[in-house]
Amino acid sequence: MSSRGANEFKHSASAGAAGNHKVPGWVWPREHGAWVMFSVAFVTGVAVGIAGPPTWAGPHVSGAPGTGAATMAASSLRPWLAPALLGIALYALFILREPLDQATRLKRRDTGPLWRQVAILAAVAIVAGGADVLLFRLWFLLLFSALAVLPAAVYLELRRRHLEHSATAELLGLAQLALAAPAAYLTAGGQSAVLAFWLWAALVAFYGGGVPYVKMKVRQAQTRPATWQGRLSLGVPSLVYQVAALALAALAWASGLLPGLAFWGFCPNAVKAVVGVCTVP
């Protein structure tokens, strides 16, 4: 599963693949946006974790000395090896989604190469993730594994009902991708569960704005509203989402949960939504 911001394009390609005579032996996620979202989440988590308690945060975010993931192992290898192993595991799982999605969609028997890729990537993820858990006693990674399975299971059910293009499915995909941030943050030495949660929430809120925006632009292209009332009616979900996201970011900033830079980072998305309502493709 993934961020489905460009769902219409991805799944049309997947559907086309079902009619091909040859099933590819090694496939990669084709959604460039999902690669960016996932990588930003992972790198952000590692960077914040390595940096230590943020100077902008209050005591409710900074964590207490001697607690958290940083004390789970006294090893000189941990600061770089633990995030590296997590990265290998996470990227293997990220890449695994595409062959698994295709293998379960295709109504053919020659999907062996796809299932072999799934098996190889799953083995890599298990070995790397298991090594992280056992070497550095990062037991919380098991919780993140369970949290990642839940949206994947819901997505499969939505796909069975032919609702994989729905906003629910797309937001679930974003929520799953964003889990890389808190997992990486705690693995890299972060000590605050509160900050881990807000890293995840901020990324979901930031990238989630693309879901109503893309759907608005698709409906605009289909209906081509000629009046301001028509354009505004199509843009209401996107505008409401951006107002809510800005309010959430402002609350987090005022509470010392996120830096002010995070709030200002939401502003371009809000401007984009307004411009998108005013312009029809």
C-alpha atoms as a PDB file:
ATOM      1  CA  MET A   1       0.000   0.000   0.000  1.00  0.00           C
ATOM      2  CA  SER A   2       1.089   3.576  -0.495  1.00  0.00           C
ATOM      3  CA  SER A   3       0.207   7.153  -0.606  1.00  0.00           C
ATOM      4  CA  ARG A   4      -2.367   7.107  -3.353  1.00  0.00           C
ATOM      5  CA  GLY A   5      -2.005  10.720  -4.391  1.00  0.00           C
ATOM      6  CA  ALA A   6      -1.517   9.564  -7.997  1.00  0.00           C
ATOM      7  CA  ASN A   7      -3.711   6.507  -7.635  1.00  0.00           C
ATOM      8  CA  GLU A   8      -5.517   6.936 -10.909  1.00  0.00           C
ATOM      9  CA  PHE A   9      -2.241   6.573 -12.787  1.00  0.00           C
ATOM     10  CA  LYS A  10      -0.763   3.744 -10.748  1.00  0.00           C
ATOM     11  CA  HIS A  11      -3.756   1.462 -10.789  1.00  0.00           C
ATOM     12  CA  SER A  12      -4.478   1.993 -14.444  1.00  0.00           C
ATOM     13  CA  ALA A  13      -0.921   0.822 -15.065  1.00  0.00           C
ATOM     14  CA  SER A  14      -1.410  -2.141 -12.737  1.00  0.00           C
ATOM     15  CA  ALA A  15      -4.601  -3.073 -14.513  1.00  0.00           C
ATOM     16  CA  GLY A  16      -2.781  -2.921 -17.817  1.00  0.00           C
ATOM     17  CA  ALA A  17      -0.118  -5.227 -16.490  1.00  0.00           C
ATOM     18  CA  ALA A  18      -2.760  -7.868 -15.853  1.00  0.00           C
ATOM     19  CA  GLY A  19      -3.299  -8.183 -19.569  1.00  0.00           C
ATOM     20  CA  ASN A  20       0.356  -8.551 -20.493  1.00  0.00           C
ATOM     21  CA  HIS A  21       1.673 -11.934 -21.623  1.00  0.00           C
ATOM     22  CA  LYS A  22       4.792 -11.641 -19.516  1.00  0.00           C
ATOM     23  CA  VAL A  23       4.857 -10.890 -15.808  1.00  0.00           C
ATOM     24  CA  PRO A  24       7.959  -8.875 -14.817  1.00  0.00           C
ATOM     25  CA  GLY A  25      10.428 -10.672 -12.588  1.00  0.00           C
ATOM     26  CA  TRP A  26      11.427  -7.649 -10.504  1.00  0.00           C
ATOM     27  CA  VAL A  27       9.257  -4.593 -10.100  1.00  0.00           C
ATOM     28  CA  TRP A  28       9.630  -1.356  -8.180  1.00  0.00           C
ATOM     29  CA  PRO A  29       7.122   1.105  -6.733  1.00  0.00           C
ATOM     30  CA  ARG A  30       6.242   3.479  -9.540  1.00  0.00           C
ATOM     31  CA  GLU A  31       4.821   6.283  -7.416  1.00  0.00           C
ATOM     32  CA  HIS A  32       7.549   8.896  -7.202  1.00  0.00           C
ATOM     33  CA  GLY A  33       5.591  10.796  -4.573  1.00  0.00           C
ATOM     34  CA  ALA A  34       5.480   7.766  -2.308  1.00  0.00           C
ATOM     35  CA  TRP A  35       9.266   7.368  -2.545  1.00  0.00           C
ATOM     36  CA  VAL A  36       9.688  10.994  -1.496  1.00  0.00           C
ATOM     37  CA  MET A  37       7.168  10.807   1.351  1.00  0.00           C
ATOM     38  CA  PHE A  38       8.649   7.624   2.743  1.00  0.00           C
ATOM     39  CA  SER A  39      12.249   8.847   2.454  1.00  0.00           C
ATOM     40  CA  VAL A  40      11.449  12.208   4.037  1.00  0.00           C
ATOM     41  CA  ALA A  41       9.726  10.457   6.945  1.00  0.00           C
ATOM     42  CA  PHE A  42      12.684   8.132   7.544  1.00  0.00           C
ATOM     43  CA  VAL A  43      15.390  10.785   7.190  1.00  0.00           C
ATOM     44  CA  THR A  44      13.469  13.254   9.378  1.00  0.00           C
ATOM     45  CA  GLY A  45      13.066  10.676  12.116  1.00  0.00           C
ATOM     46  CA  VAL A  46      16.755   9.757  12.076  1.00  0.00           C
ATOM     47  CA  ALA A  47      17.873  13.397  12.028  1.00  0.00           C
ATOM     48  CA  VAL A  48      15.653  14.419  14.955  1.00  0.00           C
ATOM     49  CA  GLY A  49      16.661  11.337  16.934  1.00  0.00           C
ATOM     50  CA  ILE A  50      20.388  11.880  16.455  1.00  0.00           C
ATOM     51  CA  ALA A  51      20.108  15.603  17.229  1.00  0.00           C
ATOM     52  CA  GLY A  52      18.886  14.882  20.746  1.00  0.00           C
ATOM     53  CA  PRO A  53      16.253  16.807  22.734  1.00  0.00           C
ATOM     54  CA  PRO A  54      15.109  19.773  20.623  1.00  0.00           C
ATOM     55  CA  THR A  55      15.819  23.241  21.983  1.00  0.00           C
ATOM     56  CA  TRP A  56      12.336  24.474  21.020  1.00  0.00           C
ATOM     57  CA  ALA A  57      10.504  21.816  23.028  1.00  0.00           C
ATOM     58  CA  GLY A  58       9.250  21.923  26.583  1.00  0.00           C
ATOM     59  CA  PRO A  59       9.981  19.266  29.222  1.00  0.00           C
ATOM     60  CA  HIS A  60       6.916  17.285  28.157  1.00  0.00           C
ATOM     61  CA  VAL A  61       8.644  16.603  24.813  1.00  0.00           C
ATOM     62  CA  SER A  62      12.318  16.467  25.672  1.00  0.00           C
ATOM     63  CA  GLY A  63      12.162  13.193  27.591  1.00  0.00           C
ATOM     64  CA  ALA A  64      13.898  12.271  30.796  1.00  0.00           C
ATOM     65  CA  PRO A  65      17.579  11.379  31.140  1.00  0.00           C
ATOM     66  CA  GLY A  66      18.241   7.679  31.253  1.00  0.00           C
ATOM     67  CA  THR A  67      14.998   6.701  29.541  1.00  0.00           C
ATOM     68  CA  GLY A  68      13.941   5.655  26.087  1.00  0.00           C
ATOM     69  CA  ALA A  69      15.610   3.887  23.223  1.00  0.00           C
ATOM     70  CA  ALA A  70      18.998   5.543  23.777  1.00  0.00           C
ATOM     71  CA  THR A  71      19.619   3.487  26.927  1.00  0.00           C
ATOM     72  CA  MET A  72      18.513   0.156  25.518  1.00  0.00           C
ATOM     73  CA  ALA A  73      22.009  -0.780  24.410  1.00  0.00           C
ATOM     74  CA  ALA A  74      25.469   0.370  25.445  1.00  0.00           C
ATOM     75  CA  SER A  75      27.244  -0.147  22.166  1.00  0.00           C
ATOM     76  CA  SER A  76      29.431   2.114  20.080  1.00  0.00           C
ATOM     77  CA  LEU A  77      27.812   0.567  16.999  1.00  0.00           C
ATOM     78  CA  ARG A  78      24.290   1.604  17.887  1.00  0.00           C
ATOM     79  CA  PRO A  79      24.229   5.264  16.759  1.00  0.00           C
ATOM     80  CA  TRP A  80      24.761   4.314  13.126  1.00  0.00           C
ATOM     81  CA  LEU A  81      24.092   0.578  12.865  1.00  0.00           C
ATOM     82  CA  ALA A  82      20.613   0.595  14.408  1.00  0.00           C
ATOM     83  CA  PRO A  83      19.200   3.233  12.003  1.00  0.00           C
ATOM     84  CA  ALA A  84      20.985   1.535   9.082  1.00  0.00           C
ATOM     85  CA  LEU A  85      19.403  -1.839   9.856  1.00  0.00           C
ATOM     86  CA  LEU A  86      16.016  -0.180  10.273  1.00  0.00           C
ATOM     87  CA  GLY A  87      16.434   1.579   6.948  1.00  0.00           C
ATOM     88  CA  ILE A  88      17.214  -1.702   5.184  1.00  0.00           C
ATOM     89  CA  ALA A  89      14.148  -3.328   6.731  1.00  0.00           C
ATOM     90  CA  LEU A  90      11.833  -0.406   5.971  1.00  0.00           C
ATOM     91  CA  TYR A  91      12.952   0.056   2.369  1.00  0.00           C
ATOM     92  CA  ALA A  92      12.611  -3.678   1.753  1.00  0.00           C
ATOM     93  CA  LEU A  93       9.032  -3.531   3.015  1.00  0.00           C
ATOM     94  CA  PHE A  94       8.360  -0.393   0.988  1.00  0.00           C
ATOM     95  CA  ILE A  95       9.561  -2.019  -2.237  1.00  0.00           C
ATOM     96  CA  LEU A  96       7.744  -5.247  -1.370  1.00  0.00           C
ATOM     97  CA  ARG A  97       4.346  -3.551  -1.681  1.00  0.00           C
ATOM     98  CA  GLU A  98       4.484  -3.308  -5.475  1.00  0.00           C
ATOM     99  CA  PRO A  99       5.161  -6.975  -6.352  1.00  0.00           C
ATOM    100  CA  LEU A 100       2.713  -8.082  -3.657  1.00  0.00           C
ATOM    101  CA  ASP A 101       0.041  -5.783  -5.040  1.00  0.00           C
ATOM    102  CA  GLN A 102       0.583  -7.027  -8.581  1.00  0.00           C
ATOM    103  CA  ALA A 103       0.796 -10.687  -7.595  1.00  0.00           C
ATOM    104  CA  THR A 104      -2.521 -10.538  -5.749  1.00  0.00           C
ATOM    105  CA  ARG A 105      -4.207  -8.631  -8.568  1.00  0.00           C
ATOM    106  CA  LEU A 106      -3.179 -10.714 -11.563  1.00  0.00           C
ATOM    107  CA  LYS A 107      -5.583 -13.509 -12.498  1.00  0.00           C
ATOM    108  CA  ARG A 108      -2.819 -15.661 -13.941  1.00  0.00           C
ATOM    109  CA  ARG A 109      -0.637 -18.518 -12.845  1.00  0.00           C
ATOM    110  CA  ASP A 110       2.712 -17.110 -13.997  1.00  0.00           C
ATOM    111  CA  THR A 111       3.196 -14.836 -10.997  1.00  0.00           C
ATOM    112  CA  GLY A 112       6.068 -16.896  -9.608  1.00  0.00           C
ATOM    113  CA  PRO A 113       8.710 -14.190 -10.219  1.00  0.00           C
ATOM    114  CA  LEU A 114       6.605 -11.676  -8.317  1.00  0.00           C
ATOM    115  CA  TRP A 115       6.170 -14.011  -5.345  1.00  0.00           C
ATOM    116  CA  ARG A 116       9.909 -14.748  -5.359  1.00  0.00           C
ATOM    117  CA  GLN A 117      10.600 -11.024  -5.122  1.00  0.00           C
ATOM    118  CA  VAL A 118       8.117 -10.776  -2.245  1.00  0.00           C
ATOM    119  CA  ALA A 119       9.846 -13.646  -0.444  1.00  0.00           C
ATOM    120  CA  ILE A 120      13.333 -12.166  -0.931  1.00  0.00           C
ATOM    121  CA  LEU A 121      12.314  -8.722   0.289  1.00  0.00           C
ATOM    122  CA  ALA A 122      10.375 -10.143   3.228  1.00  0.00           C
ATOM    123  CA  ALA A 123      13.421 -12.176   4.246  1.00  0.00           C
ATOM    124  CA  VAL A 124      15.645  -9.093   4.043  1.00  0.00           C
ATOM    125  CA  ALA A 125      13.195  -7.108   6.182  1.00  0.00           C
ATOM    126  CA  ILE A 126      12.897  -9.866   8.775  1.00  0.00           C
ATOM    127  CA  VAL A 127      16.659 -10.390   9.054  1.00  0.00           C
ATOM    128  CA  ALA A 128      17.497  -6.665   9.249  1.00  0.00           C
ATOM    129  CA  GLY A 129      14.609  -5.794  11.533  1.00  0.00           C
ATOM    130  CA  GLY A 130      15.159  -8.827  13.708  1.00  0.00           C
ATOM    131  CA  ALA A 131      18.832  -7.987  14.084  1.00  0.00           C
ATOM    132  CA  ASP A 132      17.880  -4.463  15.165  1.00  0.00           C
ATOM    133  CA  VAL A 133      15.457  -5.774  17.776  1.00  0.00           C
ATOM    134  CA  LEU A 134      17.780  -8.429  19.181  1.00  0.00           C
ATOM    135  CA  LEU A 135      21.111  -6.594  19.017  1.00  0.00           C
ATOM    136  CA  PHE A 136      19.892  -3.336  20.490  1.00  0.00           C
ATOM    137  CA  ARG A 137      16.763  -4.497  22.335  1.00  0.00           C
ATOM    138  CA  LEU A 138      14.502  -2.228  20.349  1.00  0.00           C
ATOM    139  CA  TRP A 139      11.349  -4.101  21.285  1.00  0.00           C
ATOM    140  CA  PHE A 140       9.156  -1.147  20.398  1.00  0.00           C
ATOM    141  CA  LEU A 141       9.808  -1.974  16.734  1.00  0.00           C
ATOM    142  CA  LEU A 142       7.492  -4.935  17.171  1.00  0.00           C
ATOM    143  CA  LEU A 143       4.724  -2.492  18.069  1.00  0.00           C
ATOM    144  CA  PHE A 144       5.421  -0.467  14.936  1.00  0.00           C
ATOM    145  CA  SER A 145       5.240  -3.675  12.894  1.00  0.00           C
ATOM    146  CA  ALA A 146       1.774  -4.371  14.282  1.00  0.00           C
ATOM    147  CA  LEU A 147       0.692  -0.777  13.640  1.00  0.00           C
ATOM    148  CA  ALA A 148       1.849  -1.042  10.015  1.00  0.00           C
ATOM    149  CA  VAL A 149      -0.078  -4.280   9.442  1.00  0.00           C
ATOM    150  CA  LEU A 150      -3.418  -2.746  10.463  1.00  0.00           C
ATOM    151  CA  PRO A 151      -3.736  -0.176   7.624  1.00  0.00           C
ATOM    152  CA  ALA A 152      -2.438  -2.771   5.158  1.00  0.00           C
ATOM    153  CA  ALA A 153      -5.199  -5.176   6.187  1.00  0.00           C
ATOM    154  CA  VAL A 154      -7.831  -2.452   5.925  1.00  0.00           C
ATOM    155  CA  TYR A 155      -6.534  -1.491   2.491  1.00  0.00           C
ATOM    156  CA  LEU A 156      -6.826  -5.070   1.234  1.00  0.00           C
ATOM    157  CA  GLU A 157     -10.442  -5.129   2.375  1.00  0.00           C
ATOM    158  CA  LEU A 158     -11.093  -1.799   0.643  1.00  0.00           C
ATOM    159  CA  ARG A 159      -9.488  -3.154  -2.508  1.00  0.00           C
ATOM    160  CA  ARG A 160     -11.733  -6.212  -2.341  1.00  0.00           C
ATOM    161  CA  ARG A 161     -14.676  -3.817  -2.341  1.00  0.00           C
ATOM    162  CA  HIS A 162     -13.127  -1.826  -5.218  1.00  0.00           C
ATOM    163  CA  LEU A 163     -12.603   1.193  -2.948  1.00  0.00           C
ATOM    164  CA  GLU A 164      -8.830   1.412  -3.301  1.00  0.00           C
ATOM    165  CA  HIS A 165      -9.191   4.864  -4.903  1.00  0.00           C
ATOM    166  CA  SER A 166     -11.156   6.229  -1.965  1.00  0.00           C
ATOM    167  CA  ALA A 167      -9.860   8.967   0.316  1.00  0.00           C
ATOM    168  CA  THR A 168      -9.874   6.463   3.182  1.00  0.00           C
ATOM    169  CA  ALA A 169      -7.511   4.121   1.355  1.00  0.00           C
ATOM    170  CA  GLU A 170      -5.194   6.967   0.383  1.00  0.00           C
ATOM    171  CA  LEU A 171      -5.018   8.400   3.892  1.00  0.00           C
ATOM    172  CA  LEU A 172      -4.356   4.943   5.320  1.00  0.00           C
ATOM    173  CA  GLY A 173      -1.458   4.633   2.908  1.00  0.00           C
ATOM    174  CA  LEU A 174      -0.060   7.966   4.067  1.00  0.00           C
ATOM    175  CA  ALA A 175      -0.457   6.990   7.707  1.00  0.00           C
ATOM    176  CA  GLN A 176       1.474   3.792   7.042  1.00  0.00           C
ATOM    177  CA  LEU A 177       4.316   5.566   5.221  1.00  0.00           C
ATOM    178  CA  ALA A 178       4.605   8.188   7.962  1.00  0.00           C
ATOM    179  CA  LEU A 179       5.217   5.497  10.602  1.00  0.00           C
ATOM    180  CA  ALA A 180       8.804   5.472   9.337  1.00  0.00           C
ATOM    181  CA  ALA A 181       9.385   8.811  11.123  1.00  0.00           C
ATOM    182  CA  PRO A 182       8.637   7.811  14.739  1.00  0.00           C
ATOM    183  CA  ALA A 183      10.258   4.411  14.258  1.00  0.00           C
ATOM    184  CA  ALA A 184      13.445   6.014  12.916  1.00  0.00           C
ATOM    185  CA  TYR A 185      13.385   8.721  15.583  1.00  0.00           C
ATOM    186  CA  LEU A 186      13.264   6.253  18.474  1.00  0.00           C
ATOM    187  CA  THR A 187      15.772   3.906  16.836  1.00  0.00           C
ATOM    188  CA  ALA A 188      18.240   6.770  16.352  1.00  0.00           C
ATOM    189  CA  GLY A 189      18.131   7.621  20.047  1.00  0.00           C
ATOM    190  CA  GLY A 190      15.016   9.721  20.458  1.00  0.00           C
ATOM    191  CA  GLN A 191      13.543   9.559  23.946  1.00  0.00           C
ATOM    192  CA  SER A 192      10.112  11.179  23.711  1.00  0.00           C
ATOM    193  CA  ALA A 193       7.050   9.180  22.783  1.00  0.00           C
ATOM    194  CA  VAL A 194       5.138  12.489  22.568  1.00  0.00           C
ATOM    195  CA  LEU A 195       7.515  13.884  19.964  1.00  0.00           C
ATOM    196  CA  ALA A 196       7.472  10.567  18.087  1.00  0.00           C
ATOM    197  CA  PHE A 197       3.691  10.813  17.812  1.00  0.00           C
ATOM    198  CA  TRP A 198       3.754  14.424  16.659  1.00  0.00           C
ATOM    199  CA  LEU A 199       6.349  13.666  14.006  1.00  0.00           C
ATOM    200  CA  TRP A 200       3.938  11.078  12.617  1.00  0.00           C
ATOM    201  CA  ALA A 201       0.876  13.325  12.932  1.00  0.00           C
ATOM    202  CA  ALA A 202       2.598  16.285  11.285  1.00  0.00           C
ATOM    203  CA  LEU A 203       3.701  14.224   8.282  1.00  0.00           C
ATOM    204  CA  VAL A 204       0.258  12.683   7.833  1.00  0.00           C
ATOM    205  CA  ALA A 205      -1.374  16.108   8.056  1.00  0.00           C
ATOM    206  CA  PHE A 206       1.147  17.659   5.668  1.00  0.00           C
ATOM    207  CA  TYR A 207       0.977  15.018   2.946  1.00  0.00           C
ATOM    208  CA  GLY A 208      -2.694  14.245   3.442  1.00  0.00           C
ATOM    209  CA  GLY A 209      -3.640  17.557   1.876  1.00  0.00           C
ATOM    210  CA  GLY A 210      -2.802  16.095  -1.488  1.00  0.00           C
ATOM    211  CA  VAL A 211      -5.714  13.647  -1.256  1.00  0.00           C
ATOM    212  CA  PRO A 212      -8.622  16.136  -1.407  1.00  0.00           C
ATOM    213  CA  TYR A 213      -6.585  18.414  -3.691  1.00  0.00           C
ATOM    214  CA  VAL A 214      -6.033  15.762  -6.371  1.00  0.00           C
ATOM    215  CA  LYS A 215      -9.655  14.647  -6.177  1.00  0.00           C
ATOM    216  CA  MET A 216     -10.747  18.282  -6.564  1.00  0.00           C
ATOM    217  CA  LYS A 217      -8.594  18.720  -9.679  1.00  0.00           C
ATOM    218  CA  VAL A 218      -9.925  15.471 -11.168  1.00  0.00           C
ATOM    219  CA  ARG A 219     -13.518  16.602 -10.633  1.00  0.00           C
ATOM    220  CA  GLN A 220     -12.677  20.017 -12.063  1.00  0.00           C
ATOM    221  CA  ALA A 221     -11.314  18.387 -15.201  1.00  0.00           C
ATOM    222  CA  GLN A 222     -14.454  16.283 -15.499  1.00  0.00           C
ATOM    223  CA  THR A 223     -17.055  18.979 -14.866  1.00  0.00           C
ATOM    224  CA  ARG A 224     -15.162  22.189 -15.762  1.00  0.00           C
ATOM    225  CA  PRO A 225     -17.251  24.493 -13.532  1.00  0.00           C
ATOM    226  CA  ALA A 226     -17.756  27.899 -15.116  1.00  0.00           C
ATOM    227  CA  THR A 227     -18.864  29.784 -11.996  1.00  0.00           C
ATOM    228  CA  TRP A 228     -17.146  30.656  -8.738  1.00  0.00           C
ATOM    229  CA  GLN A 229     -19.880  28.851  -6.843  1.00  0.00           C
ATOM    230  CA  GLY A 230     -19.188  25.674  -8.771  1.00  0.00           C
ATOM    231  CA  ARG A 231     -15.456  25.903  -8.216  1.00  0.00           C
ATOM    232  CA  LEU A 232     -15.893  26.624  -4.526  1.00  0.00           C
ATOM    233  CA  SER A 233     -18.259  23.699  -4.028  1.00  0.00           C
ATOM    234  CA  LEU A 234     -15.657  21.339  -5.482  1.00  0.00           C
ATOM    235  CA  GLY A 235     -12.884  22.925  -3.417  1.00  0.00           C
ATOM    236  CA  VAL A 236     -14.572  22.900  -0.011  1.00  0.00           C
ATOM    237  CA  PRO A 237     -13.035  19.570   1.150  1.00  0.00           C
ATOM    238  CA  SER A 238      -9.528  20.717   0.186  1.00  0.00           C
ATOM    239  CA  LEU A 239      -9.941  24.130   1.830  1.00  0.00           C
ATOM    240  CA  VAL A 240     -11.421  22.693   5.020  1.00  0.00           C
ATOM    241  CA  TYR A 241      -8.585  20.193   5.230  1.00  0.00           C
ATOM    242  CA  GLN A 242      -5.962  22.921   4.928  1.00  0.00           C
ATOM    243  CA  VAL A 243      -7.627  25.064   7.603  1.00  0.00           C
ATOM    244  CA  ALA A 244      -7.685  22.070   9.946  1.00  0.00           C
ATOM    245  CA  ALA A 245      -4.044  21.234   9.172  1.00  0.00           C
ATOM    246  CA  LEU A 246      -2.965  24.816   9.859  1.00  0.00           C
ATOM    247  CA  ALA A 247      -4.905  24.810  13.128  1.00  0.00           C
ATOM    248  CA  LEU A 248      -3.255  21.560  14.180  1.00  0.00           C
ATOM    249  CA  ALA A 249       0.215  22.879  13.326  1.00  0.00           C
ATOM    250  CA  ALA A 250      -0.471  26.141  15.179  1.00  0.00           C
ATOM    251  CA  LEU A 251      -1.632  24.225  18.251  1.00  0.00           C
ATOM    252  CA  ALA A 252       1.476  22.043  18.173  1.00  0.00           C
ATOM    253  CA  TRP A 253       3.676  25.126  17.819  1.00  0.00           C
ATOM    254  CA  ALA A 254       1.979  26.976  20.661  1.00  0.00           C
ATOM    255  CA  SER A 255       2.260  23.911  22.888  1.00  0.00           C
ATOM    256  CA  GLY A 256       5.978  23.455  22.187  1.00  0.00           C
ATOM    257  CA  LEU A 257       5.335  20.132  20.482  1.00  0.00           C
ATOM    258  CA  LEU A 258       6.679  21.205  17.085  1.00  0.00           C
ATOM    259  CA  PRO A 259       8.886  24.119  15.994  1.00  0.00           C
ATOM    260  CA  GLY A 260       7.461  27.188  14.318  1.00  0.00           C
ATOM    261  CA  LEU A 261       9.124  26.138  11.084  1.00  0.00           C
ATOM    262  CA  ALA A 262       6.742  23.185  10.927  1.00  0.00           C
ATOM    263  CA  PHE A 263       3.751  25.554  11.008  1.00  0.00           C
ATOM    264  CA  TRP A 264       5.138  27.725   8.231  1.00  0.00           C
ATOM    265  CA  GLY A 265       5.794  24.581   6.220  1.00  0.00           C
ATOM    266  CA  PHE A 266       2.031  24.017   6.002  1.00  0.00           C
ATOM    267  CA  CYS A 267       1.377  27.459   4.519  1.00  0.00           C
ATOM    268  CA  PRO A 268       2.436  26.697   0.910  1.00  0.00           C
ATOM    269  CA  ASN A 269      -0.030  23.783   0.839  1.00  0.00           C
ATOM    270  CA  ALA A 270      -2.815  26.126   1.941  1.00  0.00           C
ATOM    271  CA  VAL A 271      -1.901  28.638  -0.765  1.00  0.00           C
ATOM    272  CA  LYS A 272      -1.793  25.844  -3.335  1.00  0.00           C
ATOM    273  CA  ALA A 273      -5.306  24.745  -2.329  1.00  0.00           C
ATOM    274  CA  VAL A 274      -6.665  28.285  -2.741  1.00  0.00           C
ATOM    275  CA  VAL A 275      -5.006  28.685  -6.143  1.00  0.00           C
ATOM    276  CA  GLY A 276      -6.264  25.240  -7.129  1.00  0.00           C
ATOM    277  CA  VAL A 277      -9.853  26.250  -6.373  1.00  0.00           C
ATOM    278  CA  CYS A 278      -9.497  29.368  -8.515  1.00  0.00           C
ATOM    279  CA  THR A 279      -7.937  27.662 -11.542  1.00  0.00           C
ATOM    280  CA  VAL A 280      -9.603  24.972 -13.624  1.00  0.00           C
ATOM    281  CA  PRO A 281      -7.428  22.664 -15.768  1.00  0.00           C
END
